[in-house]
Amino acid sequence: MEDFLQQLPQLAQQKKKENTDFFKKLRKKKPKGLDGVVQEIHNEVFEEVDCLTCANCCKTTGPLFTNIDIDRIAKHFRMKPGDFIDQFLKVDEDQDYVLQQTPCHFLGADNYCSIYEVRPKACREYPHTDRRKIYQIGTLTVTNTSVCPAAYKIVERMKASLPTL
């Protein structure tokens, strides 16, 4: 896994135009049964990929924190939301709350998340490859292929499963 993680940004960059074009075609055609095919691929890949051996998303990128996330996590720590924000978050260029730094403060050395039960929605849904209408988030999915081995494999299998695009 470690070797693949080191190669992943370069592999994703090499496939970026191909993947972007694939999602543009997917958005135009919207093949019948797409959600089912993608869900099946997602499930197959996550049978092979163990996030606990990777945690690259937690090590290299930070999720967006919604106000609901902030309230839930602050309550978990018995903190005021403002104190949680001051201690762990910052406002990015899009005016969204994000982590002050990566790797994520809540990621343990064993790749376990210390706030897993109350983690942000963005973390719960990452890499978003089991979403319905995945063609609507093509740009995000292509971006995630450079961070998440599962996202990379899912997109590669989608291209193989839907060659008529």
Protein backbone atom coordinates (compact mmCIF):
# COMPACT_ATOMS: atom_id res chain seq x y z
CA MET A 1 0.00 0.00 0.00
CA GLU A 2 2.81 2.41 0.87
CA ASP A 3 4.36 2.13 -2.60
CA PHE A 4 1.00 2.72 -4.26
CA LEU A 5 0.38 5.77 -2.05
CA GLN A 6 3.70 7.27 -3.08
CA GLN A 7 2.88 6.72 -6.77
CA LEU A 8 -0.76 7.81 -6.50
CA PRO A 9 -0.39 11.58 -7.09
CA GLN A 10 1.67 10.95 -10.24
CA LEU A 11 -0.68 8.21 -11.49
CA ALA A 12 -3.70 10.45 -10.90
CA GLN A 13 -2.02 13.35 -12.68
CA GLN A 14 -1.27 11.12 -15.69
CA LYS A 15 -4.94 10.10 -15.85
CA LYS A 16 -6.40 13.52 -15.02
CA LYS A 17 -7.38 14.54 -18.57
CA GLU A 18 -8.71 11.07 -19.39
CA ASN A 19 -10.73 10.99 -16.15
CA THR A 20 -12.02 14.52 -16.61
CA ASP A 21 -13.14 13.69 -20.15
CA PHE A 22 -14.77 10.49 -18.88
CA PHE A 23 -16.85 12.40 -16.33
CA LYS A 24 -17.83 15.01 -18.92
CA LYS A 25 -19.16 12.21 -21.15
CA LEU A 26 -20.83 10.59 -18.16
CA ARG A 27 -22.59 13.86 -17.34
CA LYS A 28 -23.90 14.14 -20.90
CA LYS A 29 -25.02 10.52 -21.34
CA LYS A 30 -26.06 9.52 -17.81
CA PRO A 31 -26.21 5.78 -18.57
CA LYS A 32 -29.21 3.87 -17.28
CA GLY A 33 -28.38 1.92 -14.13
CA LEU A 34 -25.26 4.00 -13.45
CA ASP A 35 -25.91 4.33 -9.71
CA GLY A 36 -26.15 0.56 -9.32
CA VAL A 37 -22.97 -0.09 -11.31
CA VAL A 38 -21.01 2.50 -9.35
CA GLN A 39 -22.34 1.23 -6.01
CA GLU A 40 -21.27 -2.30 -6.90
CA ILE A 41 -17.79 -1.10 -7.91
CA HIS A 42 -17.54 0.98 -4.73
CA ASN A 43 -18.43 -2.03 -2.58
CA GLU A 44 -15.96 -4.32 -4.42
CA VAL A 45 -13.09 -1.84 -4.05
CA PHE A 46 -13.77 -1.26 -0.36
CA GLU A 47 -13.61 -5.04 0.16
CA GLU A 48 -9.99 -4.75 -1.06
CA VAL A 49 -8.93 -1.38 0.38
CA ASP A 50 -8.67 -0.98 4.15
CA CYS A 51 -8.79 2.68 5.11
CA LEU A 52 -6.95 1.91 8.35
CA THR A 53 -3.85 0.84 6.41
CA CYS A 54 -3.96 4.11 4.48
CA ALA A 55 -5.60 7.15 6.12
CA ASN A 56 -4.03 9.28 3.39
CA CYS A 57 -7.09 11.55 3.34
CA CYS A 58 -6.61 12.31 7.05
CA LYS A 59 -2.87 12.80 6.61
CA THR A 60 -2.95 15.10 3.59
CA THR A 61 -6.30 16.88 3.28
CA GLY A 62 -8.76 18.45 5.63
CA PRO A 63 -12.52 18.19 5.51
CA LEU A 64 -14.96 21.06 5.57
CA PHE A 65 -16.69 21.43 8.91
CA THR A 66 -20.32 22.52 8.79
CA ASN A 67 -21.92 24.33 11.71
CA ILE A 68 -23.76 21.11 12.52
CA ASP A 69 -20.42 19.23 12.58
CA ILE A 70 -18.88 21.87 14.82
CA ASP A 71 -21.78 21.78 17.28
CA ARG A 72 -21.78 17.96 17.41
CA ILE A 73 -18.01 17.64 17.90
CA ALA A 74 -17.84 20.49 20.41
CA LYS A 75 -20.61 18.83 22.42
CA HIS A 76 -18.62 15.56 22.30
CA PHE A 77 -15.67 17.39 23.90
CA ARG A 78 -17.96 19.34 26.24
CA MET A 79 -16.69 22.55 24.68
CA LYS A 80 -18.37 25.64 23.38
CA PRO A 81 -18.46 25.67 19.57
CA GLY A 82 -16.43 28.88 19.51
CA ASP A 83 -13.72 27.29 21.65
CA PHE A 84 -13.62 24.25 19.35
CA ILE A 85 -13.23 26.55 16.34
CA ASP A 86 -10.45 28.54 18.03
CA GLN A 87 -8.55 25.41 19.03
CA PHE A 88 -8.83 23.30 15.87
CA LEU A 89 -10.22 25.20 12.88
CA LYS A 90 -9.57 28.14 10.60
CA VAL A 91 -11.55 29.84 7.84
CA ASP A 92 -10.24 29.13 4.33
CA GLU A 93 -10.34 31.29 1.19
CA ASP A 94 -13.91 30.11 0.48
CA GLN A 95 -14.98 31.16 3.98
CA ASP A 96 -15.41 27.52 5.04
CA TYR A 97 -14.21 26.06 8.33
CA VAL A 98 -11.31 23.66 7.82
CA LEU A 99 -8.60 22.14 9.99
CA GLN A 100 -5.81 24.46 11.07
CA GLN A 101 -3.29 21.85 9.96
CA THR A 102 -2.82 18.41 8.48
CA PRO A 103 -2.46 15.63 9.34
CA CYS A 104 -5.75 15.76 11.17
CA HIS A 105 -5.36 16.38 14.90
CA PHE A 106 -7.82 13.56 15.59
CA LEU A 107 -5.87 10.90 13.64
CA GLY A 108 -3.98 8.49 15.86
CA ALA A 109 -0.66 6.79 15.08
CA ASP A 110 -2.69 3.61 14.45
CA ASN A 111 -4.74 5.47 11.76
CA TYR A 112 -7.84 5.38 13.96
CA CYS A 113 -9.92 8.53 14.29
CA SER A 114 -10.43 9.62 17.89
CA ILE A 115 -13.75 11.29 16.97
CA TYR A 116 -14.95 8.63 14.54
CA GLU A 117 -18.47 8.43 15.98
CA VAL A 118 -18.96 12.20 15.68
CA ARG A 119 -16.66 12.94 12.72
CA PRO A 120 -17.61 15.59 10.15
CA LYS A 121 -20.06 14.73 7.39
CA ALA A 122 -17.30 15.24 4.81
CA CYS A 123 -15.25 12.49 6.50
CA ARG A 124 -18.22 10.14 6.76
CA GLU A 125 -18.94 10.47 3.05
CA TYR A 126 -15.35 10.50 1.74
CA PRO A 127 -14.40 9.68 -1.00
CA HIS A 128 -18.02 10.24 -2.10
CA THR A 129 -17.91 7.34 -4.56
CA ASP A 130 -21.09 5.76 -3.25
CA ARG A 131 -23.17 8.82 -4.00
CA ARG A 132 -26.08 8.69 -6.36
CA LYS A 133 -25.53 10.66 -9.57
CA ILE A 134 -21.75 10.56 -9.26
CA TYR A 135 -21.55 12.33 -12.61
CA GLN A 136 -22.53 15.51 -10.73
CA ILE A 137 -19.30 15.43 -8.72
CA GLY A 138 -16.85 14.47 -11.46
CA THR A 139 -14.37 17.23 -10.66
CA LEU A 140 -14.30 16.29 -6.98
CA THR A 141 -13.97 12.59 -7.81
CA VAL A 142 -11.05 13.24 -10.18
CA THR A 143 -9.38 15.33 -7.46
CA ASN A 144 -9.90 12.55 -4.91
CA THR A 145 -8.09 10.04 -7.15
CA SER A 146 -4.82 11.74 -6.23
CA VAL A 147 -5.44 11.23 -2.50
CA CYS A 148 -7.52 8.07 -2.12
CA PRO A 149 -6.40 4.71 -3.55
CA ALA A 150 -10.01 3.51 -3.46
CA ALA A 151 -11.25 6.51 -5.46
CA TYR A 152 -8.51 5.91 -8.02
CA LYS A 153 -9.44 2.24 -8.37
CA ILE A 154 -13.16 2.98 -8.51
CA VAL A 155 -12.71 5.45 -11.37
CA GLU A 156 -10.49 3.00 -13.25
CA ARG A 157 -13.11 0.26 -12.86
CA MET A 158 -15.89 2.63 -13.87
CA LYS A 159 -14.04 3.37 -17.12
CA ALA A 160 -13.59 -0.36 -17.74
CA SER A 161 -17.25 -1.11 -16.94
CA LEU A 162 -18.64 1.71 -19.08
CA PRO A 163 -16.38 1.59 -22.16
CA THR A 164 -19.05 2.84 -24.56
CA LEU A 165 -18.76 6.42 -23.30
